[in-house]
Amino acid sequence: MSIIPLLAVSPQLAAPAPSLRTARAARDFEASLIASVLSSLEKTFAAVPGEDALPGADDYNYLGTQAVAQAIADHGGFGITALITKSFAAHESKG
């Protein structure tokens, strides 16, 4: 029996290697941290004193912050992804 039909039937067998999942999770984690920092900066510096915010501005700002944070993380970020993946690679090679 060939493994090719099994891969087509079972998505669990076709799942990415753990190192790819680890890298994706590390990148998403870094994006979350970057989004937290950017959100704090945006709330601190973007508001004009005495000016009312537009309805829905918070949602729009949130979406923009998430997109920018993910783009920064996808292009290397602050290096947290690299540290996490190296750490996991060291632990995977021991076990």
Protein backbone atom coordinates (compact mmCIF):
# COMPACT_ATOMS: atom_id res chain seq x y z
CA MET A 1 0.00 0.00 0.00
CA SER A 2 1.32 3.42 -0.94
CA ILE A 3 1.52 6.31 1.54
CA ILE A 4 0.33 8.84 -1.08
CA PRO A 5 -3.38 7.90 -0.78
CA LEU A 6 -3.08 8.03 3.04
CA LEU A 7 -1.78 11.58 2.88
CA ALA A 8 -4.67 12.59 0.67
CA VAL A 9 -7.20 11.05 3.09
CA SER A 10 -5.72 12.02 6.45
CA PRO A 11 -4.77 15.68 7.02
CA GLN A 12 -2.97 14.73 10.25
CA LEU A 13 -0.39 12.78 8.25
CA ALA A 14 0.16 15.73 5.92
CA ALA A 15 0.67 18.22 8.78
CA PRO A 16 3.84 20.34 8.65
CA ALA A 17 6.92 19.19 10.52
CA PRO A 18 7.08 20.25 14.18
CA SER A 19 9.90 22.68 13.43
CA LEU A 20 7.68 24.52 10.94
CA ARG A 21 4.86 24.65 13.47
CA THR A 22 7.30 25.83 16.12
CA ALA A 23 8.58 28.60 13.86
CA ARG A 24 5.03 29.70 13.02
CA ALA A 25 4.01 29.71 16.69
CA ALA A 26 7.16 31.65 17.64
CA ARG A 27 6.49 34.20 14.88
CA ASP A 28 2.87 34.59 16.00
CA PHE A 29 4.01 35.00 19.61
CA GLU A 30 6.49 37.69 18.60
CA ALA A 31 3.77 39.43 16.57
CA SER A 32 1.57 39.43 19.68
CA LEU A 33 4.33 41.02 21.75
CA ILE A 34 5.03 43.63 19.06
CA ALA A 35 1.30 44.40 18.80
CA SER A 36 1.18 44.99 22.55
CA VAL A 37 4.07 47.46 22.35
CA LEU A 38 2.65 49.22 19.29
CA SER A 39 -0.79 49.44 20.88
CA SER A 40 0.61 51.13 23.96
CA LEU A 41 2.61 53.55 21.82
CA GLU A 42 -0.39 54.31 19.62
CA LYS A 43 -2.63 55.05 22.60
CA THR A 44 0.02 57.28 24.14
CA PHE A 45 1.06 59.33 21.13
CA ALA A 46 -1.77 59.21 18.56
CA ALA A 47 -4.45 61.10 20.49
CA VAL A 48 -4.74 64.84 20.10
CA PRO A 49 -5.71 66.52 23.38
CA GLY A 50 -9.22 67.96 23.31
CA GLU A 51 -10.25 66.09 20.16
CA ASP A 52 -12.97 63.43 20.29
CA ALA A 53 -12.26 60.06 18.71
CA LEU A 54 -14.36 58.99 15.75
CA PRO A 55 -16.79 56.10 16.21
CA GLY A 56 -15.07 52.84 15.29
CA ALA A 57 -11.60 54.37 15.45
CA ASP A 58 -10.51 51.92 18.16
CA ASP A 59 -11.43 48.92 16.01
CA TYR A 60 -9.69 50.38 12.97
CA ASN A 61 -6.57 51.18 15.01
CA TYR A 62 -6.57 47.65 16.46
CA LEU A 63 -6.70 46.06 13.02
CA GLY A 64 -3.96 48.33 11.73
CA THR A 65 -1.75 47.61 14.72
CA GLN A 66 -2.21 43.85 14.29
CA ALA A 67 -1.33 44.04 10.59
CA VAL A 68 1.79 46.11 11.21
CA ALA A 69 2.89 43.84 14.07
CA GLN A 70 2.45 40.70 11.95
CA ALA A 71 4.39 42.28 9.07
CA ILE A 72 7.24 43.26 11.40
CA ALA A 73 7.36 39.74 12.88
CA ASP A 74 7.24 38.14 9.41
CA HIS A 75 10.30 40.16 8.39
CA GLY A 76 12.47 39.30 11.38
CA GLY A 77 10.93 41.35 14.15
CA PHE A 78 13.09 41.90 17.19
CA GLY A 79 14.76 38.48 16.99
CA ILE A 80 12.50 36.76 19.51
CA THR A 81 11.36 34.22 16.90
CA ALA A 82 14.97 33.21 16.23
CA LEU A 83 15.66 32.78 19.95
CA ILE A 84 12.57 30.63 20.48
CA THR A 85 13.20 28.40 17.46
CA LYS A 86 16.86 27.90 18.45
CA SER A 87 15.79 26.96 21.97
CA PHE A 88 13.21 24.49 20.72
CA ALA A 89 15.66 23.01 18.20
CA ALA A 90 18.15 22.39 21.01
CA HIS A 91 15.50 20.64 23.10
CA GLU A 92 14.19 18.59 20.16
CA SER A 93 17.68 17.32 19.32
CA LYS A 94 18.18 16.14 22.94
CA GLY A 95 14.91 14.22 23.05
